[in-house]
Amino acid sequence: MAGIEFLKGHGTQNDFVLLPDPDASLELTPRRIAALCDRQQGIGADGVLRVVRSAALGVDSAGEWFMDYRNADGSLAEMCGNGVRVFARYLVDAGLEVGPEFVVGTRAGDRPVRVHTDSSGDLAVTVHMGPAAVTGTSVAVVSGKQVSGVAVDVGNPHLVSVIDDDVSTLDLSRTPRYDTEVFPDGVNLEFVNVLGPESLRMRVYERGVGETRACGTGTVAAVAAALHLRGDDTGQSTVEVPGGRVSVTVGRGTATLTGPAVFVARGELDAAWWDALD
């Protein structure tokens, strides 16, 4: 068996292994995904993006290509805003989409994207993220302190806590706690400082991964929550994360996320290593 093609990329340092698999021939077991994402024994990543035709999975989508996203622990995820930017750039770079605008299928539904250059001339991808729906409130416990949060659905679940303490001082080496009755399937936890009317700073503890350098859906949730707390349901903001900066616009029933997508390597997975994980 020949080696298995892979690419390594990131969106604001939220990093992924991308596996081109148009006809869904790869068997992606949780063990294989976890091994790929292991930073000591594998390539290392926050998750895996499989590039597969929607038709090959029997998915009803307006897009030819489906982003089959898996968390680092091998679990399935509905959506990943940073991942879909990397995914979209790959489709254009590989000539699978002529661009600049097309649709990507995800478990959270179709996501229209646009690949373009930003104001500084760097490549960027804008993703139409669908609605960011505020669904209630709950609490999280981080660094031994209970903080209130706004629950936001961006195709996947988030709990956003806007706090006064500098988010850089939070100890996220210990898993933050949340109400499992409110979030029985887990939740992404965002901790946010408001820097100004259109500027936020955020750290995130992702479901099935741990702390990551960025979370695309999390930045959308953070903006939606900050707007909600000040009595608005529309607006825009930049969001600073440890891995960089993105721009988010939230409207009534819609939201967009704009940020970079970078590839750093490509190669082949050793077939014997892959088979041994079966």
Protein backbone atom coordinates (compact mmCIF):
# COMPACT_ATOMS: atom_id res chain seq x y z
CA MET A 1 0.00 0.00 0.00
CA ALA A 2 1.34 3.44 -0.91
CA GLY A 3 1.63 6.12 1.73
CA ILE A 4 -1.41 8.21 2.62
CA GLU A 5 -1.27 11.86 1.52
CA PHE A 6 -1.57 14.48 4.21
CA LEU A 7 -1.14 18.23 4.65
CA LYS A 8 -0.54 20.21 7.84
CA GLY A 9 -2.08 23.64 8.19
CA HIS A 10 -3.55 26.08 10.65
CA GLY A 11 -5.96 28.98 11.05
CA THR A 12 -4.63 31.43 13.68
CA GLN A 13 -2.54 28.51 15.03
CA ASN A 14 -5.54 26.23 15.51
CA ASP A 15 -3.82 23.38 13.65
CA PHE A 16 -5.06 20.46 11.60
CA VAL A 17 -3.97 17.40 9.68
CA LEU A 18 -5.82 17.43 6.37
CA LEU A 19 -6.44 14.11 4.59
CA PRO A 20 -7.52 14.24 0.92
CA ASP A 21 -9.91 11.29 0.54
CA PRO A 22 -12.39 12.15 -2.25
CA ASP A 23 -14.09 8.76 -2.40
CA ALA A 24 -14.15 8.02 1.35
CA SER A 25 -11.74 5.10 1.09
CA LEU A 26 -9.97 5.74 4.41
CA GLU A 27 -11.24 4.14 7.59
CA LEU A 28 -11.00 6.88 10.17
CA THR A 29 -11.16 5.19 13.55
CA PRO A 30 -10.91 7.19 16.77
CA ARG A 31 -7.58 5.44 17.46
CA ARG A 32 -6.13 6.59 14.15
CA ILE A 33 -7.35 10.15 14.61
CA ALA A 34 -5.94 10.34 18.14
CA ALA A 35 -2.61 8.94 16.93
CA LEU A 36 -2.40 11.46 14.09
CA CYS A 37 -3.09 14.33 16.48
CA ASP A 38 -0.65 13.13 19.14
CA ARG A 39 2.18 15.69 19.28
CA GLN A 40 4.78 13.17 20.43
CA GLN A 41 3.88 9.99 18.51
CA GLY A 42 2.05 11.42 15.52
CA ILE A 43 2.05 14.58 13.41
CA GLY A 44 0.30 16.66 16.06
CA ALA A 45 -2.87 18.69 15.62
CA ASP A 46 -6.03 19.97 17.27
CA GLY A 47 -8.08 17.93 14.81
CA VAL A 48 -8.31 16.15 11.46
CA LEU A 49 -10.00 17.47 8.32
CA ARG A 50 -10.93 14.82 5.77
CA VAL A 51 -11.60 16.18 2.27
CA VAL A 52 -14.35 13.96 0.89
CA ARG A 53 -17.07 14.32 -1.72
CA SER A 54 -20.50 14.87 -0.18
CA ALA A 55 -21.91 12.21 -2.49
CA ALA A 56 -19.39 9.63 -1.24
CA LEU A 57 -20.84 9.97 2.26
CA GLY A 58 -24.45 10.26 1.09
CA VAL A 59 -24.63 13.80 2.47
CA ASP A 60 -27.33 16.12 1.13
CA SER A 61 -25.35 19.30 0.45
CA ALA A 62 -25.21 22.03 -2.17
CA GLY A 63 -21.41 21.73 -1.95
CA GLU A 64 -19.45 19.06 -3.80
CA TRP A 65 -17.01 18.78 -0.90
CA PHE A 66 -17.72 17.83 2.71
CA MET A 67 -15.50 18.74 5.66
CA ASP A 68 -15.41 15.56 7.74
CA TYR A 69 -13.98 17.04 10.93
CA ARG A 70 -12.76 15.03 13.91
CA ASN A 71 -11.53 16.34 17.27
CA ALA A 72 -8.11 15.33 18.53
CA ASP A 73 -9.61 12.60 20.71
CA GLY A 74 -11.26 11.02 17.65
CA SER A 75 -14.78 12.25 18.37
CA LEU A 76 -16.93 13.77 15.65
CA ALA A 77 -17.51 17.52 15.63
CA GLU A 78 -20.29 19.48 13.96
CA MET A 79 -18.29 22.48 12.81
CA CYS A 80 -14.91 24.21 13.02
CA GLY A 81 -14.58 27.79 11.83
CA ASN A 82 -10.78 27.77 11.61
CA GLY A 83 -10.84 24.33 10.02
CA VAL A 84 -13.27 25.32 7.27
CA ARG A 85 -10.95 28.18 6.27
CA VAL A 86 -8.02 25.77 5.91
CA PHE A 87 -10.30 23.32 4.11
CA ALA A 88 -11.49 26.01 1.68
CA ARG A 89 -7.97 27.14 0.89
CA TYR A 90 -6.96 23.55 0.14
CA LEU A 91 -9.84 23.15 -2.34
CA VAL A 92 -8.71 26.25 -4.24
CA ASP A 93 -4.99 25.41 -4.08
CA ALA A 94 -5.68 21.88 -5.33
CA GLY A 95 -7.91 23.09 -8.17
CA LEU A 96 -10.94 21.28 -6.76
CA GLU A 97 -12.83 24.58 -6.59
CA VAL A 98 -12.20 27.48 -8.95
CA GLY A 99 -13.42 29.98 -6.38
CA PRO A 100 -13.45 32.51 -5.07
CA GLU A 101 -16.91 31.66 -3.70
CA PHE A 102 -18.34 28.19 -3.15
CA VAL A 103 -20.09 26.03 -0.55
CA VAL A 104 -18.53 23.59 1.91
CA GLY A 105 -20.68 20.91 3.51
CA THR A 106 -20.34 20.33 7.27
CA ARG A 107 -22.24 18.43 9.94
CA ALA A 108 -23.71 21.77 11.00
CA GLY A 109 -25.00 22.39 7.47
CA ASP A 110 -23.68 24.10 4.36
CA ARG A 111 -21.20 26.92 4.84
CA PRO A 112 -20.64 29.39 1.96
CA VAL A 113 -17.04 30.60 1.81
CA ARG A 114 -15.01 33.22 -0.06
CA VAL A 115 -11.25 32.98 -0.59
CA HIS A 116 -9.71 36.43 -1.07
CA THR A 117 -6.92 38.76 0.02
CA ASP A 118 -7.28 41.00 3.05
CA SER A 119 -6.43 44.70 3.38
CA SER A 120 -2.73 43.89 3.82
CA GLY A 121 -2.65 41.67 0.74
CA ASP A 122 -2.48 38.36 2.64
CA LEU A 123 -4.72 35.43 1.77
CA ALA A 124 -7.85 35.23 3.90
CA VAL A 125 -11.05 33.22 3.93
CA THR A 126 -14.48 34.51 4.93
CA VAL A 127 -16.96 31.89 6.13
CA HIS A 128 -20.70 32.41 6.42
CA MET A 129 -21.17 30.70 9.76
CA GLY A 130 -24.96 30.63 9.94
CA PRO A 131 -26.84 31.92 12.98
CA ALA A 132 -25.20 32.46 16.37
CA ALA A 133 -28.12 31.76 18.66
CA VAL A 134 -28.08 32.75 22.34
CA THR A 135 -29.82 29.87 24.11
CA GLY A 136 -29.57 30.73 27.79
CA THR A 137 -27.09 31.06 30.63
CA SER A 138 -25.02 28.73 32.78
CA VAL A 139 -21.81 28.74 34.82
CA ALA A 140 -18.28 27.45 34.49
CA VAL A 141 -15.55 26.95 37.08
CA VAL A 142 -12.06 28.05 36.02
CA SER A 143 -8.97 28.63 38.16
CA GLY A 144 -11.11 27.66 41.17
CA LYS A 145 -13.61 30.46 40.55
CA GLN A 146 -17.21 30.19 39.37
CA VAL A 147 -18.05 32.51 36.48
CA SER A 148 -21.35 33.10 34.72
CA GLY A 149 -21.64 32.51 31.01
CA VAL A 150 -23.90 32.96 27.99
CA ALA A 151 -24.78 29.80 26.08
CA VAL A 152 -24.46 30.23 22.31
CA ASP A 153 -25.16 27.72 19.54
CA VAL A 154 -23.03 28.19 16.41
CA GLY A 155 -23.84 24.78 15.01
CA ASN A 156 -21.93 23.45 18.03
CA PRO A 157 -22.32 24.37 21.72
CA HIS A 158 -20.46 27.18 23.49
CA LEU A 159 -20.50 28.79 26.91
CA VAL A 160 -18.97 32.29 26.83
CA SER A 161 -17.87 33.93 30.08
CA VAL A 162 -17.05 37.63 29.81
CA ILE A 163 -14.78 38.31 32.80
CA ASP A 164 -12.91 41.22 34.40
CA ASP A 165 -9.77 39.19 35.23
CA ASP A 166 -7.14 39.17 32.48
CA VAL A 167 -7.77 35.99 30.50
CA SER A 168 -4.01 35.49 30.15
CA THR A 169 -3.83 34.75 33.89
CA LEU A 170 -6.32 31.86 33.81
CA ASP A 171 -4.99 28.39 34.56
CA LEU A 172 -6.38 26.22 31.78
CA SER A 173 -3.96 23.37 32.48
CA ARG A 174 -6.71 22.09 34.76
CA THR A 175 -9.92 21.21 32.96
CA PRO A 176 -12.58 23.85 33.61
CA ARG A 177 -15.90 22.50 34.86
CA TYR A 178 -19.39 23.13 33.53
CA ASP A 179 -22.95 21.96 34.18
CA THR A 180 -23.27 18.58 32.49
CA GLU A 181 -27.05 18.69 32.84
CA VAL A 182 -27.12 21.80 30.65
CA PHE A 183 -24.48 20.44 28.26
CA PRO A 184 -24.80 16.63 28.30
CA ASP A 185 -22.72 16.30 25.10
CA GLY A 186 -19.99 18.64 26.29
CA VAL A 187 -19.35 22.29 25.46
CA ASN A 188 -16.63 24.62 24.22
CA LEU A 189 -15.71 27.14 26.92
CA GLU A 190 -14.65 30.68 26.01
CA PHE A 191 -13.22 33.21 28.46
CA VAL A 192 -13.36 36.78 27.17
CA ASN A 193 -12.11 40.27 27.99
CA VAL A 194 -13.83 43.26 26.41
CA LEU A 195 -11.08 45.57 25.13
CA GLY A 196 -13.36 48.10 23.44
CA PRO A 197 -16.66 48.47 21.57
CA GLU A 198 -15.34 46.38 18.67
CA SER A 199 -12.44 44.49 20.21
CA LEU A 200 -12.30 41.32 22.34
CA ARG A 201 -9.58 39.06 23.71
CA MET A 202 -10.35 35.36 24.15
CA ARG A 203 -8.98 32.04 25.36
CA VAL A 204 -10.78 28.78 24.72
CA TYR A 205 -10.99 25.27 26.14
CA GLU A 206 -12.36 23.10 23.35
CA ARG A 207 -14.53 20.05 23.81
CA GLY A 208 -12.57 16.92 22.95
CA VAL A 209 -9.27 18.81 22.59
CA GLY A 210 -8.33 21.02 25.54
CA GLU A 211 -6.97 24.55 25.29
CA THR A 212 -6.24 25.57 21.71
CA ARG A 213 -4.60 28.65 20.24
CA ALA A 214 -7.86 29.65 18.57
CA CYS A 215 -11.43 28.50 17.92
CA GLY A 216 -13.36 29.92 14.97
CA THR A 217 -16.84 29.07 16.14
CA GLY A 218 -15.75 30.23 19.59
CA THR A 219 -14.88 33.70 18.32
CA VAL A 220 -18.32 33.99 16.72
CA ALA A 221 -19.92 32.83 19.97
CA ALA A 222 -17.82 35.35 21.91
CA VAL A 223 -18.95 38.28 19.77
CA ALA A 224 -22.59 37.16 19.91
CA ALA A 225 -22.40 36.85 23.71
CA ALA A 226 -20.70 40.23 24.19
CA LEU A 227 -23.32 41.90 22.00
CA HIS A 228 -26.11 40.16 23.92
CA LEU A 229 -24.74 41.33 27.25
CA ARG A 230 -24.83 44.94 26.11
CA GLY A 231 -28.34 44.60 24.70
CA ASP A 232 -27.49 44.24 21.00
CA ASP A 233 -28.01 41.40 18.53
CA THR A 234 -25.96 42.78 15.64
CA GLY A 235 -22.44 44.16 15.40
CA GLN A 236 -18.87 43.40 14.52
CA SER A 237 -15.60 42.94 16.36
CA THR A 238 -12.04 41.80 16.06
CA VAL A 239 -11.14 38.94 18.38
CA GLU A 240 -7.59 38.46 19.63
CA VAL A 241 -6.68 34.86 20.43
CA PRO A 242 -3.27 33.44 21.39
CA GLY A 243 -2.75 32.42 17.76
CA GLY A 244 -3.63 35.71 16.10
CA ARG A 245 -6.66 37.80 15.21
CA VAL A 246 -9.90 37.30 13.30
CA SER A 247 -12.84 39.52 12.36
CA VAL A 248 -16.43 38.58 13.16
CA THR A 249 -19.72 40.13 12.08
CA VAL A 250 -22.97 39.04 13.72
CA GLY A 251 -26.31 39.82 12.13
CA ARG A 252 -29.86 38.68 12.71
CA GLY A 253 -29.79 35.00 11.82
CA THR A 254 -26.32 35.12 10.29
CA ALA A 255 -22.64 35.61 11.11
CA THR A 256 -19.35 35.75 9.22
CA LEU A 257 -15.81 34.90 10.26
CA THR A 258 -12.75 36.19 8.40
CA GLY A 259 -9.19 35.11 9.05
CA PRO A 260 -6.06 33.49 7.62
CA ALA A 261 -5.49 29.93 6.41
CA VAL A 262 -1.91 28.67 6.22
CA PHE A 263 -0.28 25.44 5.04
CA VAL A 264 3.11 24.50 6.46
CA ALA A 265 3.83 20.95 5.23
CA ARG A 266 2.69 18.06 3.08
CA GLY A 267 3.81 14.48 2.74
CA GLU A 268 2.78 10.85 3.16
CA LEU A 269 1.79 8.89 6.24
CA ASP A 270 3.65 5.60 6.52
CA ALA A 271 1.25 2.85 5.43
CA ALA A 272 2.62 0.32 7.91
CA TRP A 273 2.13 2.79 10.78
CA TRP A 274 -1.44 3.47 9.65
CA ASP A 275 -2.30 -0.22 9.26
CA ALA A 276 -0.91 -1.06 12.69
CA LEU A 277 -3.51 1.28 14.19
CA ASP A 278 -6.39 -0.73 12.73
